[in-house]
Amino acid sequence: MFPFFGMPCWGTEPMNQRSYQERKLRFMKWVRDDLETRLAGVNATIATLERQLGNEETTV
């Protein structure tokens, strides 16, 4: 799941500390954005289910 930053298979040039950190930062931001998207979907599903359950209680 996680790339191995600085490994030879990711490039033929040696990676300096700054480029390693920049690459890692871009990856971490991508992970955060992906998790935020997934969390928004979960929150929407929870809200929908709560609304549906609330509607069922009022009709019963």
PDB file of N, CA and C in Angstrom:
ATOM      1  N   MET A   1       0.822  -1.186   0.000  1.00  0.00           N
ATOM      2  CA  MET A   1       0.000   0.000   0.000  1.00  0.00           C
ATOM      3  C   MET A   1       0.864   1.247   0.000  1.00  0.00           C
ATOM      4  N   PHE A   2       1.863   1.293   0.849  1.00  0.00           N
ATOM      5  CA  PHE A   2       2.699   2.476   0.942  1.00  0.00           C
ATOM      6  C   PHE A   2       3.934   2.309   0.071  1.00  0.00           C
ATOM      7  N   PRO A   3       4.275   3.330  -0.679  1.00  0.00           N
ATOM      8  CA  PRO A   3       5.486   3.219  -1.501  1.00  0.00           C
ATOM      9  C   PRO A   3       6.727   3.258  -0.619  1.00  0.00           C
ATOM     10  N   PHE A   4       7.737   2.608  -1.083  1.00  0.00           N
ATOM     11  CA  PHE A   4       8.998   2.620  -0.369  1.00  0.00           C
ATOM     12  C   PHE A   4       9.835   3.770  -0.919  1.00  0.00           C
ATOM     13  N   PHE A   5       9.748   4.902  -0.263  1.00  0.00           N
ATOM     14  CA  PHE A   5      10.431   6.102  -0.729  1.00  0.00           C
ATOM     15  C   PHE A   5      11.937   5.890  -0.733  1.00  0.00           C
ATOM     16  N   GLY A   6      12.553   6.296  -1.831  1.00  0.00           N
ATOM     17  CA  GLY A   6      13.993   6.230  -1.923  1.00  0.00           C
ATOM     18  C   GLY A   6      14.551   4.873  -2.303  1.00  0.00           C
ATOM     19  N   MET A   7      13.706   3.920  -2.598  1.00  0.00           N
ATOM     20  CA  MET A   7      14.191   2.600  -2.993  1.00  0.00           C
ATOM     21  C   MET A   7      14.681   2.665  -4.443  1.00  0.00           C
ATOM     22  N   PRO A   8      15.681   1.892  -4.796  1.00  0.00           N
ATOM     23  CA  PRO A   8      16.231   1.939  -6.147  1.00  0.00           C
ATOM     24  C   PRO A   8      15.209   1.638  -7.237  1.00  0.00           C
ATOM     25  N   CYS A   9      14.196   0.837  -6.933  1.00  0.00           N
ATOM     26  CA  CYS A   9      13.237   0.488  -7.969  1.00  0.00           C
ATOM     27  C   CYS A   9      12.344   1.675  -8.347  1.00  0.00           C
ATOM     28  N   TRP A  10      12.335   2.737  -7.552  1.00  0.00           N
ATOM     29  CA  TRP A  10      11.517   3.923  -7.831  1.00  0.00           C
ATOM     30  C   TRP A  10      12.251   4.922  -8.710  1.00  0.00           C
ATOM     31  N   GLY A  11      13.490   4.694  -9.014  1.00  0.00           N
ATOM     32  CA  GLY A  11      14.256   5.590  -9.864  1.00  0.00           C
ATOM     33  C   GLY A  11      15.716   5.201  -9.840  1.00  0.00           C
ATOM     34  N   THR A  12      16.430   5.676 -10.827  1.00  0.00           N
ATOM     35  CA  THR A  12      17.835   5.308 -10.899  1.00  0.00           C
ATOM     36  C   THR A  12      18.728   6.334 -10.209  1.00  0.00           C
ATOM     37  N   GLU A  13      18.220   7.549  -9.990  1.00  0.00           N
ATOM     38  CA  GLU A  13      19.037   8.579  -9.351  1.00  0.00           C
ATOM     39  C   GLU A  13      18.894   8.488  -7.836  1.00  0.00           C
ATOM     40  N   PRO A  14      19.973   8.735  -7.121  1.00  0.00           N
ATOM     41  CA  PRO A  14      19.858   8.764  -5.663  1.00  0.00           C
ATOM     42  C   PRO A  14      18.975   9.942  -5.233  1.00  0.00           C
ATOM     43  N   MET A  15      18.214   9.750  -4.173  1.00  0.00           N
ATOM     44  CA  MET A  15      17.266  10.766  -3.737  1.00  0.00           C
ATOM     45  C   MET A  15      17.852  11.505  -2.537  1.00  0.00           C
ATOM     46  N   ASN A  16      17.882  12.852  -2.620  1.00  0.00           N
ATOM     47  CA  ASN A  16      18.374  13.613  -1.483  1.00  0.00           C
ATOM     48  C   ASN A  16      17.255  13.777  -0.450  1.00  0.00           C
ATOM     49  N   GLN A  17      17.610  14.288   0.705  1.00  0.00           N
ATOM     50  CA  GLN A  17      16.666  14.388   1.822  1.00  0.00           C
ATOM     51  C   GLN A  17      15.459  15.253   1.472  1.00  0.00           C
ATOM     52  N   ARG A  18      15.681  16.372   0.812  1.00  0.00           N
ATOM     53  CA  ARG A  18      14.586  17.286   0.484  1.00  0.00           C
ATOM     54  C   ARG A  18      13.590  16.653  -0.504  1.00  0.00           C
ATOM     55  N   SER A  19      14.096  16.037  -1.561  1.00  0.00           N
ATOM     56  CA  SER A  19      13.186  15.424  -2.531  1.00  0.00           C
ATOM     57  C   SER A  19      12.455  14.235  -1.909  1.00  0.00           C
ATOM     58  N   TYR A  20      13.108  13.529  -1.003  1.00  0.00           N
ATOM     59  CA  TYR A  20      12.457  12.435  -0.280  1.00  0.00           C
ATOM     60  C   TYR A  20      11.290  12.966   0.546  1.00  0.00           C
ATOM     61  N   GLN A  21      11.527  14.057   1.275  1.00  0.00           N
ATOM     62  CA  GLN A  21      10.473  14.637   2.109  1.00  0.00           C
ATOM     63  C   GLN A  21       9.340  15.216   1.272  1.00  0.00           C
ATOM     64  N   GLU A  22       9.663  15.838   0.143  1.00  0.00           N
ATOM     65  CA  GLU A  22       8.624  16.382  -0.732  1.00  0.00           C
ATOM     66  C   GLU A  22       7.753  15.269  -1.302  1.00  0.00           C
ATOM     67  N   ARG A  23       8.386  14.189  -1.697  1.00  0.00           N
ATOM     68  CA  ARG A  23       7.635  13.048  -2.233  1.00  0.00           C
ATOM     69  C   ARG A  23       6.749  12.430  -1.159  1.00  0.00           C
ATOM     70  N   LYS A  24       7.285  12.294   0.032  1.00  0.00           N
ATOM     71  CA  LYS A  24       6.519  11.741   1.145  1.00  0.00           C
ATOM     72  C   LYS A  24       5.346  12.666   1.500  1.00  0.00           C
ATOM     73  N   LEU A  25       5.572  13.989   1.484  1.00  0.00           N
ATOM     74  CA  LEU A  25       4.517  14.954   1.778  1.00  0.00           C
ATOM     75  C   LEU A  25       3.389  14.863   0.756  1.00  0.00           C
ATOM     76  N   ARG A  26       3.733  14.765  -0.524  1.00  0.00           N
ATOM     77  CA  ARG A  26       2.694  14.620  -1.559  1.00  0.00           C
ATOM     78  C   ARG A  26       1.879  13.355  -1.335  1.00  0.00           C
ATOM     79  N   PHE A  27       2.552  12.275  -0.983  1.00  0.00           N
ATOM     80  CA  PHE A  27       1.857  11.021  -0.731  1.00  0.00           C
ATOM     81  C   PHE A  27       0.931  11.138   0.477  1.00  0.00           C
ATOM     82  N   MET A  28       1.414  11.736   1.556  1.00  0.00           N
ATOM     83  CA  MET A  28       0.603  11.877   2.756  1.00  0.00           C
ATOM     84  C   MET A  28      -0.617  12.766   2.512  1.00  0.00           C
ATOM     85  N   LYS A  29      -0.462  13.803   1.708  1.00  0.00           N
ATOM     86  CA  LYS A  29      -1.609  14.651   1.364  1.00  0.00           C
ATOM     87  C   LYS A  29      -2.620  13.871   0.536  1.00  0.00           C
ATOM     88  N   TRP A  30      -2.126  13.006  -0.349  1.00  0.00           N
ATOM     89  CA  TRP A  30      -3.031  12.172  -1.140  1.00  0.00           C
ATOM     90  C   TRP A  30      -3.797  11.217  -0.225  1.00  0.00           C
ATOM     91  N   VAL A  31      -3.107  10.619   0.751  1.00  0.00           N
ATOM     92  CA  VAL A  31      -3.759   9.714   1.697  1.00  0.00           C
ATOM     93  C   VAL A  31      -4.831  10.466   2.468  1.00  0.00           C
ATOM     94  N   ARG A  32      -4.504  11.665   2.953  1.00  0.00           N
ATOM     95  CA  ARG A  32      -5.467  12.466   3.707  1.00  0.00           C
ATOM     96  C   ARG A  32      -6.690  12.791   2.857  1.00  0.00           C
ATOM     97  N   ASP A  33      -6.478  13.222   1.626  1.00  0.00           N
ATOM     98  CA  ASP A  33      -7.600  13.561   0.749  1.00  0.00           C
ATOM     99  C   ASP A  33      -8.474  12.345   0.478  1.00  0.00           C
ATOM    100  N   ASP A  34      -7.845  11.194   0.288  1.00  0.00           N
ATOM    101  CA  ASP A  34      -8.600   9.967   0.053  1.00  0.00           C
ATOM    102  C   ASP A  34      -9.431   9.595   1.276  1.00  0.00           C
ATOM    103  N   LEU A  35      -8.838   9.721   2.462  1.00  0.00           N
ATOM    104  CA  LEU A  35      -9.573   9.400   3.685  1.00  0.00           C
ATOM    105  C   LEU A  35     -10.717  10.381   3.914  1.00  0.00           C
ATOM    106  N   GLU A  36     -10.501  11.655   3.605  1.00  0.00           N
ATOM    107  CA  GLU A  36     -11.573  12.640   3.754  1.00  0.00           C
ATOM    108  C   GLU A  36     -12.740  12.305   2.830  1.00  0.00           C
ATOM    109  N   THR A  37     -12.440  11.864   1.627  1.00  0.00           N
ATOM    110  CA  THR A  37     -13.496  11.481   0.678  1.00  0.00           C
ATOM    111  C   THR A  37     -14.275  10.287   1.201  1.00  0.00           C
ATOM    112  N   ARG A  38     -13.562   9.295   1.694  1.00  0.00           N
ATOM    113  CA  ARG A  38     -14.228   8.108   2.239  1.00  0.00           C
ATOM    114  C   ARG A  38     -15.068   8.459   3.465  1.00  0.00           C
ATOM    115  N   LEU A  39     -14.534   9.318   4.327  1.00  0.00           N
ATOM    116  CA  LEU A  39     -15.262   9.715   5.525  1.00  0.00           C
ATOM    117  C   LEU A  39     -16.534  10.476   5.161  1.00  0.00           C
ATOM    118  N   ALA A  40     -16.475  11.309   4.154  1.00  0.00           N
ATOM    119  CA  ALA A  40     -17.670  12.029   3.707  1.00  0.00           C
ATOM    120  C   ALA A  40     -18.735  11.046   3.230  1.00  0.00           C
ATOM    121  N   GLY A  41     -18.335  10.008   2.538  1.00  0.00           N
ATOM    122  CA  GLY A  41     -19.282   8.993   2.094  1.00  0.00           C
ATOM    123  C   GLY A  41     -19.903   8.241   3.256  1.00  0.00           C
ATOM    124  N   VAL A  42     -19.102   7.904   4.247  1.00  0.00           N
ATOM    125  CA  VAL A  42     -19.618   7.214   5.437  1.00  0.00           C
ATOM    126  C   VAL A  42     -20.585   8.115   6.190  1.00  0.00           C
ATOM    127  N   ASN A  43     -20.223   9.383   6.363  1.00  0.00           N
ATOM    128  CA  ASN A  43     -21.103  10.324   7.053  1.00  0.00           C
ATOM    129  C   ASN A  43     -22.423  10.492   6.321  1.00  0.00           C
ATOM    130  N   ALA A  44     -22.398  10.544   5.002  1.00  0.00           N
ATOM    131  CA  ALA A  44     -23.627  10.671   4.222  1.00  0.00           C
ATOM    132  C   ALA A  44     -24.500   9.430   4.384  1.00  0.00           C
ATOM    133  N   THR A  45     -23.887   8.259   4.403  1.00  0.00           N
ATOM    134  CA  THR A  45     -24.640   7.022   4.588  1.00  0.00           C
ATOM    135  C   THR A  45     -25.283   6.982   5.970  1.00  0.00           C
ATOM    136  N   ILE A  46     -24.542   7.373   6.988  1.00  0.00           N
ATOM    137  CA  ILE A  46     -25.079   7.405   8.348  1.00  0.00           C
ATOM    138  C   ILE A  46     -26.255   8.372   8.430  1.00  0.00           C
ATOM    139  N   ALA A  47     -26.109   9.550   7.852  1.00  0.00           N
ATOM    140  CA  ALA A  47     -27.185  10.537   7.879  1.00  0.00           C
ATOM    141  C   ALA A  47     -28.431  10.015   7.165  1.00  0.00           C
ATOM    142  N   THR A  48     -28.238   9.356   6.041  1.00  0.00           N
ATOM    143  CA  THR A  48     -29.376   8.795   5.298  1.00  0.00           C
ATOM    144  C   THR A  48     -30.083   7.724   6.118  1.00  0.00           C
ATOM    145  N   LEU A  49     -29.331   6.825   6.729  1.00  0.00           N
ATOM    146  CA  LEU A  49     -29.933   5.766   7.539  1.00  0.00           C
ATOM    147  C   LEU A  49     -30.663   6.341   8.749  1.00  0.00           C
ATOM    148  N   GLU A  50     -30.067   7.334   9.397  1.00  0.00           N
ATOM    149  CA  GLU A  50     -30.739   7.962  10.537  1.00  0.00           C
ATOM    150  C   GLU A  50     -32.041   8.628  10.102  1.00  0.00           C
ATOM    151  N   ARG A  51     -32.018   9.275   8.951  1.00  0.00           N
ATOM    152  CA  ARG A  51     -33.228   9.922   8.437  1.00  0.00           C
ATOM    153  C   ARG A  51     -34.286   8.880   8.123  1.00  0.00           C
ATOM    154  N   GLN A  52     -33.892   7.781   7.498  1.00  0.00           N
ATOM    155  CA  GLN A  52     -34.842   6.722   7.158  1.00  0.00           C
ATOM    156  C   GLN A  52     -35.434   6.093   8.421  1.00  0.00           C
ATOM    157  N   LEU A  53     -34.598   5.872   9.422  1.00  0.00           N
ATOM    158  CA  LEU A  53     -35.092   5.308  10.676  1.00  0.00           C
ATOM    159  C   LEU A  53     -36.030   6.291  11.369  1.00  0.00           C
ATOM    160  N   GLY A  54     -35.743   7.563  11.288  1.00  0.00           N
ATOM    161  CA  GLY A  54     -36.620   8.580  11.873  1.00  0.00           C
ATOM    162  C   GLY A  54     -37.964   8.618  11.187  1.00  0.00           C
ATOM    163  N   ASN A  55     -37.979   8.452   9.873  1.00  0.00           N
ATOM    164  CA  ASN A  55     -39.240   8.428   9.112  1.00  0.00           C
ATOM    165  C   ASN A  55     -40.065   7.209   9.468  1.00  0.00           C
ATOM    166  N   GLU A  56     -39.420   6.071   9.686  1.00  0.00           N
ATOM    167  CA  GLU A  56     -40.144   4.847  10.035  1.00  0.00           C
ATOM    168  C   GLU A  56     -40.786   4.968  11.409  1.00  0.00           C
ATOM    169  N   GLU A  57     -40.105   5.621  12.346  1.00  0.00           N
ATOM    170  CA  GLU A  57     -40.652   5.769  13.698  1.00  0.00           C
ATOM    171  C   GLU A  57     -41.882   6.664  13.704  1.00  0.00           C
ATOM    172  N   THR A  58     -41.916   7.669  12.853  1.00  0.00           N
ATOM    173  CA  THR A  58     -43.061   8.580  12.828  1.00  0.00           C
ATOM    174  C   THR A  58     -44.254   7.960  12.125  1.00  0.00           C
ATOM    175  N   THR A  59     -44.027   7.023  11.205  1.00  0.00           N
ATOM    176  CA  THR A  59     -45.144   6.406  10.470  1.00  0.00           C
ATOM    177  C   THR A  59     -45.718   5.202  11.211  1.00  0.00           C
ATOM    178  N   VAL A  60     -44.979   4.637  12.151  1.00  0.00           N
ATOM    179  CA  VAL A  60     -45.436   3.430  12.871  1.00  0.00           C
ATOM    180  C   VAL A  60     -46.264   3.801  14.059  1.00  0.00           C
TER     181      VAL A  60
END
